[in-house]
Amino acid sequence: MRAAKVDANQTEIVRALRDLGASVQSLASVGRGVPDLLVGWRGQNYLLEIKDGAKQACKQRLTPDQVEWHGCWLGQVVVVNSVDAALRVLGARV
């Protein structure tokens, strides 16, 4: 099994979410297109796919596995590329 690859900004996003009071579980090691984070906030669960906002837009695209997983998932999943974007998903301050 290969090591999980995480985007450069994932640690910063996780820290901001936890500082807000959210519970955060990394799912990066699952692979196969599964989103990077499971976030619990005010009784709701959120699946977040992290992309590195410092990279060019073409480098932030979903992988083929992610496209397939997102397309088949019957719940919500959101792609975020910054702390602000992650906080907006939770309806928190920006």
PDB file of N, CA and C in Angstrom:
ATOM      1  N   MET A   1       0.852  -1.179   0.000  1.00  0.00           N
ATOM      2  CA  MET A   1       0.000   0.000   0.000  1.00  0.00           C
ATOM      3  C   MET A   1       0.895   1.237   0.000  1.00  0.00           C
ATOM      4  N   ARG A   2       0.587   2.185  -0.854  1.00  0.00           N
ATOM      5  CA  ARG A   2       1.411   3.388  -0.920  1.00  0.00           C
ATOM      6  C   ARG A   2       0.980   4.380   0.158  1.00  0.00           C
ATOM      7  N   ALA A   3       1.905   5.263   0.523  1.00  0.00           N
ATOM      8  CA  ALA A   3       1.599   6.281   1.527  1.00  0.00           C
ATOM      9  C   ALA A   3       0.558   7.245   0.978  1.00  0.00           C
ATOM     10  N   ALA A   4      -0.310   7.709   1.846  1.00  0.00           N
ATOM     11  CA  ALA A   4      -1.353   8.658   1.453  1.00  0.00           C
ATOM     12  C   ALA A   4      -0.715   9.980   1.061  1.00  0.00           C
ATOM     13  N   LYS A   5      -1.149  10.520  -0.062  1.00  0.00           N
ATOM     14  CA  LYS A   5      -0.666  11.820  -0.523  1.00  0.00           C
ATOM     15  C   LYS A   5      -1.682  12.873  -0.081  1.00  0.00           C
ATOM     16  N   VAL A   6      -1.201  13.872   0.628  1.00  0.00           N
ATOM     17  CA  VAL A   6      -2.102  14.948   1.060  1.00  0.00           C
ATOM     18  C   VAL A   6      -1.613  16.268   0.467  1.00  0.00           C
ATOM     19  N   ASP A   7      -2.551  17.154   0.204  1.00  0.00           N
ATOM     20  CA  ASP A   7      -2.194  18.459  -0.348  1.00  0.00           C
ATOM     21  C   ASP A   7      -1.481  19.300   0.704  1.00  0.00           C
ATOM     22  N   ALA A   8      -0.655  20.224   0.232  1.00  0.00           N
ATOM     23  CA  ALA A   8       0.187  21.037   1.114  1.00  0.00           C
ATOM     24  C   ALA A   8      -0.624  21.845   2.124  1.00  0.00           C
ATOM     25  N   ASN A   9      -1.843  22.225   1.775  1.00  0.00           N
ATOM     26  CA  ASN A   9      -2.647  23.062   2.666  1.00  0.00           C
ATOM     27  C   ASN A   9      -3.568  22.260   3.594  1.00  0.00           C
ATOM     28  N   GLN A  10      -3.523  20.952   3.528  1.00  0.00           N
ATOM     29  CA  GLN A  10      -4.444  20.151   4.334  1.00  0.00           C
ATOM     30  C   GLN A  10      -4.211  20.340   5.832  1.00  0.00           C
ATOM     31  N   THR A  11      -2.965  20.380   6.263  1.00  0.00           N
ATOM     32  CA  THR A  11      -2.673  20.561   7.692  1.00  0.00           C
ATOM     33  C   THR A  11      -3.245  21.885   8.190  1.00  0.00           C
ATOM     34  N   GLU A  12      -3.087  22.946   7.412  1.00  0.00           N
ATOM     35  CA  GLU A  12      -3.608  24.262   7.779  1.00  0.00           C
ATOM     36  C   GLU A  12      -5.136  24.248   7.866  1.00  0.00           C
ATOM     37  N   ILE A  13      -5.779  23.577   6.924  1.00  0.00           N
ATOM     38  CA  ILE A  13      -7.239  23.494   6.922  1.00  0.00           C
ATOM     39  C   ILE A  13      -7.725  22.691   8.124  1.00  0.00           C
ATOM     40  N   VAL A  14      -7.088  21.564   8.392  1.00  0.00           N
ATOM     41  CA  VAL A  14      -7.465  20.742   9.554  1.00  0.00           C
ATOM     42  C   VAL A  14      -7.310  21.548  10.835  1.00  0.00           C
ATOM     43  N   ARG A  15      -6.211  22.267  10.980  1.00  0.00           N
ATOM     44  CA  ARG A  15      -5.977  23.073  12.182  1.00  0.00           C
ATOM     45  C   ARG A  15      -7.066  24.123  12.353  1.00  0.00           C
ATOM     46  N   ALA A  16      -7.425  24.808  11.267  1.00  0.00           N
ATOM     47  CA  ALA A  16      -8.462  25.848  11.347  1.00  0.00           C
ATOM     48  C   ALA A  16      -9.812  25.255  11.728  1.00  0.00           C
ATOM     49  N   LEU A  17     -10.142  24.112  11.172  1.00  0.00           N
ATOM     50  CA  LEU A  17     -11.415  23.464  11.494  1.00  0.00           C
ATOM     51  C   LEU A  17     -11.451  23.037  12.960  1.00  0.00           C
ATOM     52  N   ARG A  18     -10.357  22.466  13.435  1.00  0.00           N
ATOM     53  CA  ARG A  18     -10.296  22.045  14.838  1.00  0.00           C
ATOM     54  C   ARG A  18     -10.307  23.247  15.774  1.00  0.00           C
ATOM     55  N   ASP A  19      -9.629  24.328  15.390  1.00  0.00           N
ATOM     56  CA  ASP A  19      -9.646  25.552  16.202  1.00  0.00           C
ATOM     57  C   ASP A  19     -11.068  26.097  16.317  1.00  0.00           C
ATOM     58  N   LEU A  20     -11.864  25.895  15.278  1.00  0.00           N
ATOM     59  CA  LEU A  20     -13.259  26.326  15.273  1.00  0.00           C
ATOM     60  C   LEU A  20     -14.097  25.476  16.226  1.00  0.00           C
ATOM     61  N   GLY A  21     -13.636  24.259  16.503  1.00  0.00           N
ATOM     62  CA  GLY A  21     -14.370  23.345  17.372  1.00  0.00           C
ATOM     63  C   GLY A  21     -14.937  22.139  16.645  1.00  0.00           C
ATOM     64  N   ALA A  22     -14.613  22.007  15.363  1.00  0.00           N
ATOM     65  CA  ALA A  22     -15.091  20.861  14.577  1.00  0.00           C
ATOM     66  C   ALA A  22     -14.252  19.629  14.888  1.00  0.00           C
ATOM     67  N   SER A  23     -14.867  18.467  14.747  1.00  0.00           N
ATOM     68  CA  SER A  23     -14.094  17.230  14.796  1.00  0.00           C
ATOM     69  C   SER A  23     -13.693  16.901  13.361  1.00  0.00           C
ATOM     70  N   VAL A  24     -12.456  16.430  13.208  1.00  0.00           N
ATOM     71  CA  VAL A  24     -11.912  16.194  11.869  1.00  0.00           C
ATOM     72  C   VAL A  24     -11.230  14.834  11.838  1.00  0.00           C
ATOM     73  N   GLN A  25     -11.599  14.012  10.874  1.00  0.00           N
ATOM     74  CA  GLN A  25     -10.974  12.711  10.671  1.00  0.00           C
ATOM     75  C   GLN A  25     -10.415  12.652   9.256  1.00  0.00           C
ATOM     76  N   SER A  26      -9.134  12.395   9.141  1.00  0.00           N
ATOM     77  CA  SER A  26      -8.538  12.252   7.818  1.00  0.00           C
ATOM     78  C   SER A  26      -8.938  10.906   7.226  1.00  0.00           C
ATOM     79  N   LEU A  27      -9.359  10.948   5.968  1.00  0.00           N
ATOM     80  CA  LEU A  27      -9.699   9.735   5.222  1.00  0.00           C
ATOM     81  C   LEU A  27      -8.701   9.512   4.093  1.00  0.00           C
ATOM     82  N   ALA A  28      -7.628  10.303   4.072  1.00  0.00           N
ATOM     83  CA  ALA A  28      -6.673  10.275   2.961  1.00  0.00           C
ATOM     84  C   ALA A  28      -6.098   8.886   2.715  1.00  0.00           C
ATOM     85  N   SER A  29      -5.903   8.106   3.754  1.00  0.00           N
ATOM     86  CA  SER A  29      -5.298   6.785   3.575  1.00  0.00           C
ATOM     87  C   SER A  29      -6.244   5.773   2.929  1.00  0.00           C
ATOM     88  N   VAL A  30      -7.532   6.091   2.866  1.00  0.00           N
ATOM     89  CA  VAL A  30      -8.497   5.174   2.247  1.00  0.00           C
ATOM     90  C   VAL A  30      -8.236   5.081   0.744  1.00  0.00           C
ATOM     91  N   GLY A  31      -7.947   6.239   0.120  1.00  0.00           N
ATOM     92  CA  GLY A  31      -7.659   6.248  -1.314  1.00  0.00           C
ATOM     93  C   GLY A  31      -8.890   5.934  -2.148  1.00  0.00           C
ATOM     94  N   ARG A  32      -8.698   5.491  -3.370  1.00  0.00           N
ATOM     95  CA  ARG A  32      -9.762   5.085  -4.300  1.00  0.00           C
ATOM     96  C   ARG A  32     -10.802   6.180  -4.532  1.00  0.00           C
ATOM     97  N   GLY A  33     -10.377   7.463  -4.436  1.00  0.00           N
ATOM     98  CA  GLY A  33     -11.283   8.562  -4.728  1.00  0.00           C
ATOM     99  C   GLY A  33     -12.074   9.091  -3.551  1.00  0.00           C
ATOM    100  N   VAL A  34     -11.950   8.444  -2.391  1.00  0.00           N
ATOM    101  CA  VAL A  34     -12.671   8.888  -1.200  1.00  0.00           C
ATOM    102  C   VAL A  34     -12.136  10.267  -0.791  1.00  0.00           C
ATOM    103  N   PRO A  35     -13.006  11.200  -0.398  1.00  0.00           N
ATOM    104  CA  PRO A  35     -12.559  12.537  -0.002  1.00  0.00           C
ATOM    105  C   PRO A  35     -11.548  12.505   1.148  1.00  0.00           C
ATOM    106  N   ASP A  36     -10.816  13.599   1.279  1.00  0.00           N
ATOM    107  CA  ASP A  36      -9.721  13.675   2.243  1.00  0.00           C
ATOM    108  C   ASP A  36     -10.162  13.761   3.692  1.00  0.00           C
ATOM    109  N   LEU A  37     -11.258  14.480   3.964  1.00  0.00           N
ATOM    110  CA  LEU A  37     -11.640  14.732   5.356  1.00  0.00           C
ATOM    111  C   LEU A  37     -13.110  14.455   5.626  1.00  0.00           C
ATOM    112  N   LEU A  38     -13.376  13.905   6.797  1.00  0.00           N
ATOM    113  CA  LEU A  38     -14.718  13.809   7.354  1.00  0.00           C
ATOM    114  C   LEU A  38     -14.750  14.807   8.498  1.00  0.00           C
ATOM    115  N   VAL A  39     -15.669  15.763   8.425  1.00  0.00           N
ATOM    116  CA  VAL A  39     -15.738  16.841   9.407  1.00  0.00           C
ATOM    117  C   VAL A  39     -17.108  16.823  10.083  1.00  0.00           C
ATOM    118  N   GLY A  40     -17.099  16.890  11.401  1.00  0.00           N
ATOM    119  CA  GLY A  40     -18.337  16.993  12.177  1.00  0.00           C
ATOM    120  C   GLY A  40     -18.444  18.387  12.767  1.00  0.00           C
ATOM    121  N   TRP A  41     -19.597  19.041  12.546  1.00  0.00           N
ATOM    122  CA  TRP A  41     -19.773  20.409  13.029  1.00  0.00           C
ATOM    123  C   TRP A  41     -21.250  20.655  13.297  1.00  0.00           C
ATOM    124  N   ARG A  42     -21.564  20.998  14.528  1.00  0.00           N
ATOM    125  CA  ARG A  42     -22.928  21.327  14.930  1.00  0.00           C
ATOM    126  C   ARG A  42     -23.958  20.278  14.478  1.00  0.00           C
ATOM    127  N   GLY A  43     -23.633  19.026  14.730  1.00  0.00           N
ATOM    128  CA  GLY A  43     -24.558  17.941  14.436  1.00  0.00           C
ATOM    129  C   GLY A  43     -24.625  17.507  12.982  1.00  0.00           C
ATOM    130  N   GLN A  44     -23.768  18.054  12.142  1.00  0.00           N
ATOM    131  CA  GLN A  44     -23.751  17.704  10.717  1.00  0.00           C
ATOM    132  C   GLN A  44     -22.397  17.103  10.347  1.00  0.00           C
ATOM    133  N   ASN A  45     -22.406  16.252   9.338  1.00  0.00           N
ATOM    134  CA  ASN A  45     -21.177  15.686   8.795  1.00  0.00           C
ATOM    135  C   ASN A  45     -20.912  16.282   7.424  1.00  0.00           C
ATOM    136  N   TYR A  46     -19.655  16.529   7.145  1.00  0.00           N
ATOM    137  CA  TYR A  46     -19.237  17.096   5.863  1.00  0.00           C
ATOM    138  C   TYR A  46     -18.071  16.285   5.318  1.00  0.00           C
ATOM    139  N   LEU A  47     -18.120  15.980   4.037  1.00  0.00           N
ATOM    140  CA  LEU A  47     -16.996  15.351   3.359  1.00  0.00           C
ATOM    141  C   LEU A  47     -16.300  16.420   2.540  1.00  0.00           C
ATOM    142  N   LEU A  48     -15.006  16.609   2.792  1.00  0.00           N
ATOM    143  CA  LEU A  48     -14.250  17.634   2.095  1.00  0.00           C
ATOM    144  C   LEU A  48     -13.116  17.009   1.292  1.00  0.00           C
ATOM    145  N   GLU A  49     -13.054  17.352   0.045  1.00  0.00           N
ATOM    146  CA  GLU A  49     -11.919  17.007  -0.812  1.00  0.00           C
ATOM    147  C   GLU A  49     -11.030  18.240  -0.843  1.00  0.00           C
ATOM    148  N   ILE A  50      -9.785  18.091  -0.421  1.00  0.00           N
ATOM    149  CA  ILE A  50      -8.855  19.214  -0.346  1.00  0.00           C
ATOM    150  C   ILE A  50      -8.032  19.290  -1.624  1.00  0.00           C
ATOM    151  N   LYS A  51      -7.965  20.478  -2.181  1.00  0.00           N
ATOM    152  CA  LYS A  51      -7.075  20.772  -3.303  1.00  0.00           C
ATOM    153  C   LYS A  51      -6.208  21.949  -2.886  1.00  0.00           C
ATOM    154  N   ASP A  52      -5.004  22.000  -3.384  1.00  0.00           N
ATOM    155  CA  ASP A  52      -4.052  23.044  -3.014  1.00  0.00           C
ATOM    156  C   ASP A  52      -4.312  24.304  -3.821  1.00  0.00           C
ATOM    157  N   GLY A  53      -4.871  25.318  -3.167  1.00  0.00           N
ATOM    158  CA  GLY A  53      -5.212  26.568  -3.821  1.00  0.00           C
ATOM    159  C   GLY A  53      -4.019  27.352  -4.325  1.00  0.00           C
ATOM    160  N   ALA A  54      -2.815  27.005  -3.893  1.00  0.00           N
ATOM    161  CA  ALA A  54      -1.613  27.684  -4.374  1.00  0.00           C
ATOM    162  C   ALA A  54      -1.209  27.197  -5.761  1.00  0.00           C
ATOM    163  N   LYS A  55      -1.764  26.085  -6.181  1.00  0.00           N
ATOM    164  CA  LYS A  55      -1.433  25.530  -7.502  1.00  0.00           C
ATOM    165  C   LYS A  55      -2.346  26.119  -8.561  1.00  0.00           C
ATOM    166  N   GLN A  56      -1.914  26.032  -9.816  1.00  0.00           N
ATOM    167  CA  GLN A  56      -2.737  26.461 -10.946  1.00  0.00           C
ATOM    168  C   GLN A  56      -4.024  25.641 -10.948  1.00  0.00           C
ATOM    169  N   ALA A  57      -5.082  26.239 -11.480  1.00  0.00           N
ATOM    170  CA  ALA A  57      -6.391  25.566 -11.507  1.00  0.00           C
ATOM    171  C   ALA A  57      -6.309  24.192 -12.172  1.00  0.00           C
ATOM    172  N   CYS A  58      -5.530  24.071 -13.223  1.00  0.00           N
ATOM    173  CA  CYS A  58      -5.431  22.781 -13.920  1.00  0.00           C
ATOM    174  C   CYS A  58      -4.777  21.706 -13.052  1.00  0.00           C
ATOM    175  N   LYS A  59      -4.029  22.127 -12.041  1.00  0.00           N
ATOM    176  CA  LYS A  59      -3.382  21.184 -11.117  1.00  0.00           C
ATOM    177  C   LYS A  59      -4.281  20.853  -9.923  1.00  0.00           C
ATOM    178  N   GLN A  60      -5.458  21.496  -9.854  1.00  0.00           N
ATOM    179  CA  GLN A  60      -6.397  21.250  -8.759  1.00  0.00           C
ATOM    180  C   GLN A  60      -7.552  20.342  -9.189  1.00  0.00           C
ATOM    181  N   ARG A  61      -7.470  19.799 -10.365  1.00  0.00           N
ATOM    182  CA  ARG A  61      -8.557  18.947 -10.868  1.00  0.00           C
ATOM    183  C   ARG A  61      -8.670  17.659 -10.057  1.00  0.00           C
ATOM    184  N   LEU A  62      -9.870  17.110 -10.038  1.00  0.00           N
ATOM    185  CA  LEU A  62     -10.081  15.813  -9.409  1.00  0.00           C
ATOM    186  C   LEU A  62      -9.393  14.732 -10.232  1.00  0.00           C
ATOM    187  N   THR A  63      -8.894  13.718  -9.551  1.00  0.00           N
ATOM    188  CA  THR A  63      -8.322  12.569 -10.244  1.00  0.00           C
ATOM    189  C   THR A  63      -9.469  11.744 -10.842  1.00  0.00           C
ATOM    190  N   PRO A  64      -9.174  10.850 -11.774  1.00  0.00           N
ATOM    191  CA  PRO A  64     -10.247   9.989 -12.303  1.00  0.00           C
ATOM    192  C   PRO A  64     -10.987   9.211 -11.202  1.00  0.00           C
ATOM    193  N   ASP A  65     -10.256   8.703 -10.205  1.00  0.00           N
ATOM    194  CA  ASP A  65     -10.907   7.988  -9.097  1.00  0.00           C
ATOM    195  C   ASP A  65     -11.840   8.915  -8.319  1.00  0.00           C
ATOM    196  N   GLN A  66     -11.415  10.163  -8.105  1.00  0.00           N
ATOM    197  CA  GLN A  66     -12.247  11.124  -7.382  1.00  0.00           C
ATOM    198  C   GLN A  66     -13.493  11.481  -8.187  1.00  0.00           C
ATOM    199  N   VAL A  67     -13.346  11.675  -9.482  1.00  0.00           N
ATOM    200  CA  VAL A  67     -14.499  11.973 -10.331  1.00  0.00           C
ATOM    201  C   VAL A  67     -15.517  10.842 -10.237  1.00  0.00           C
ATOM    202  N   GLU A  68     -15.044   9.617 -10.313  1.00  0.00           N
ATOM    203  CA  GLU A  68     -15.947   8.461 -10.232  1.00  0.00           C
ATOM    204  C   GLU A  68     -16.624   8.384  -8.863  1.00  0.00           C
ATOM    205  N   TRP A  69     -15.847   8.524  -7.786  1.00  0.00           N
ATOM    206  CA  TRP A  69     -16.403   8.432  -6.434  1.00  0.00           C
ATOM    207  C   TRP A  69     -17.429   9.527  -6.199  1.00  0.00           C
ATOM    208  N   HIS A  70     -17.079  10.770  -6.529  1.00  0.00           N
ATOM    209  CA  HIS A  70     -17.998  11.899  -6.333  1.00  0.00           C
ATOM    210  C   HIS A  70     -19.279  11.698  -7.137  1.00  0.00           C
ATOM    211  N   GLY A  71     -19.147  11.149  -8.341  1.00  0.00           N
ATOM    212  CA  GLY A  71     -20.309  10.927  -9.197  1.00  0.00           C
ATOM    213  C   GLY A  71     -21.254   9.856  -8.684  1.00  0.00           C
ATOM    214  N   CYS A  72     -20.719   8.905  -7.938  1.00  0.00           N
ATOM    215  CA  CYS A  72     -21.533   7.799  -7.423  1.00  0.00           C
ATOM    216  C   CYS A  72     -22.067   8.049  -6.014  1.00  0.00           C
ATOM    217  N   TRP A  73     -21.454   8.983  -5.296  1.00  0.00           N
ATOM    218  CA  TRP A  73     -21.844   9.240  -3.909  1.00  0.00           C
ATOM    219  C   TRP A  73     -23.204   9.923  -3.870  1.00  0.00           C
ATOM    220  N   LEU A  74     -24.129   9.422  -3.065  1.00  0.00           N
ATOM    221  CA  LEU A  74     -25.481   9.961  -2.992  1.00  0.00           C
ATOM    222  C   LEU A  74     -25.641  11.045  -1.924  1.00  0.00           C
ATOM    223  N   GLY A  75     -24.595  11.312  -1.202  1.00  0.00           N
ATOM    224  CA  GLY A  75     -24.603  12.394  -0.211  1.00  0.00           C
ATOM    225  C   GLY A  75     -23.820  13.578  -0.737  1.00  0.00           C
ATOM    226  N   GLN A  76     -23.521  14.513   0.149  1.00  0.00           N
ATOM    227  CA  GLN A  76     -22.774  15.707  -0.251  1.00  0.00           C
ATOM    228  C   GLN A  76     -21.280  15.465  -0.129  1.00  0.00           C
ATOM    229  N   VAL A  77     -20.533  16.073  -1.003  1.00  0.00           N
ATOM    230  CA  VAL A  77     -19.077  16.151  -0.921  1.00  0.00           C
ATOM    231  C   VAL A  77     -18.688  17.475  -1.560  1.00  0.00           C
ATOM    232  N   VAL A  78     -17.769  18.197  -0.909  1.00  0.00           N
ATOM    233  CA  VAL A  78     -17.406  19.527  -1.370  1.00  0.00           C
ATOM    234  C   VAL A  78     -15.895  19.595  -1.583  1.00  0.00           C
ATOM    235  N   VAL A  79     -15.492  20.209  -2.682  1.00  0.00           N
ATOM    236  CA  VAL A  79     -14.079  20.435  -2.960  1.00  0.00           C
ATOM    237  C   VAL A  79     -13.720  21.825  -2.437  1.00  0.00           C
ATOM    238  N   VAL A  80     -12.684  21.898  -1.604  1.00  0.00           N
ATOM    239  CA  VAL A  80     -12.224  23.183  -1.071  1.00  0.00           C
ATOM    240  C   VAL A  80     -10.726  23.322  -1.335  1.00  0.00           C
ATOM    241  N   ASN A  81     -10.282  24.575  -1.483  1.00  0.00           N
ATOM    242  CA  ASN A  81      -8.865  24.784  -1.750  1.00  0.00           C
ATOM    243  C   ASN A  81      -8.231  25.823  -0.811  1.00  0.00           C
ATOM    244  N   SER A  82      -8.929  26.138   0.285  1.00  0.00           N
ATOM    245  CA  SER A  82      -8.389  27.106   1.249  1.00  0.00           C
ATOM    246  C   SER A  82      -9.115  26.970   2.582  1.00  0.00           C
ATOM    247  N   VAL A  83      -8.526  27.573   3.598  1.00  0.00           N
ATOM    248  CA  VAL A  83      -9.178  27.616   4.916  1.00  0.00           C
ATOM    249  C   VAL A  83     -10.524  28.325   4.792  1.00  0.00           C
ATOM    250  N   ASP A  84     -10.547  29.477   4.117  1.00  0.00           N
ATOM    251  CA  ASP A  84     -11.795  30.231   3.976  1.00  0.00           C
ATOM    252  C   ASP A  84     -12.888  29.391   3.317  1.00  0.00           C
ATOM    253  N   ALA A  85     -12.526  28.663   2.282  1.00  0.00           N
ATOM    254  CA  ALA A  85     -13.514  27.828   1.581  1.00  0.00           C
ATOM    255  C   ALA A  85     -14.044  26.738   2.506  1.00  0.00           C
ATOM    256  N   ALA A  86     -13.174  26.133   3.295  1.00  0.00           N
ATOM    257  CA  ALA A  86     -13.604  25.093   4.242  1.00  0.00           C
ATOM    258  C   ALA A  86     -14.544  25.664   5.286  1.00  0.00           C
ATOM    259  N   LEU A  87     -14.207  26.833   5.821  1.00  0.00           N
ATOM    260  CA  LEU A  87     -15.063  27.465   6.830  1.00  0.00           C
ATOM    261  C   LEU A  87     -16.412  27.863   6.256  1.00  0.00           C
ATOM    262  N   ARG A  88     -16.429  28.304   5.004  1.00  0.00           N
ATOM    263  CA  ARG A  88     -17.709  28.659   4.354  1.00  0.00           C
ATOM    264  C   ARG A  88     -18.617  27.441   4.227  1.00  0.00           C
ATOM    265  N   VAL A  89     -18.049  26.283   3.942  1.00  0.00           N
ATOM    266  CA  VAL A  89     -18.861  25.065   3.824  1.00  0.00           C
ATOM    267  C   VAL A  89     -19.603  24.808   5.131  1.00  0.00           C
ATOM    268  N   LEU A  90     -18.934  25.071   6.244  1.00  0.00           N
ATOM    269  CA  LEU A  90     -19.553  24.861   7.558  1.00  0.00           C
ATOM    270  C   LEU A  90     -20.448  26.016   7.969  1.00  0.00           C
ATOM    271  N   GLY A  91     -20.481  27.082   7.175  1.00  0.00           N
ATOM    272  CA  GLY A  91     -21.269  28.244   7.522  1.00  0.00           C
ATOM    273  C   GLY A  91     -20.626  29.054   8.632  1.00  0.00           C
ATOM    274  N   ALA A  92     -19.320  28.887   8.808  1.00  0.00           N
ATOM    275  CA  ALA A  92     -18.594  29.596   9.855  1.00  0.00           C
ATOM    276  C   ALA A  92     -18.064  30.914   9.327  1.00  0.00           C
ATOM    277  N   ARG A  93     -17.534  31.702  10.233  1.00  0.00           N
ATOM    278  CA  ARG A  93     -16.980  32.989   9.865  1.00  0.00           C
ATOM    279  C   ARG A  93     -15.868  32.828   8.819  1.00  0.00           C
ATOM    280  N   VAL A  94     -15.672  33.837   8.024  1.00  0.00           N
ATOM    281  CA  VAL A  94     -14.601  33.818   7.014  1.00  0.00           C
ATOM    282  C   VAL A  94     -13.785  35.068   7.143  1.00  0.00           C
TER     283      VAL A  94
END
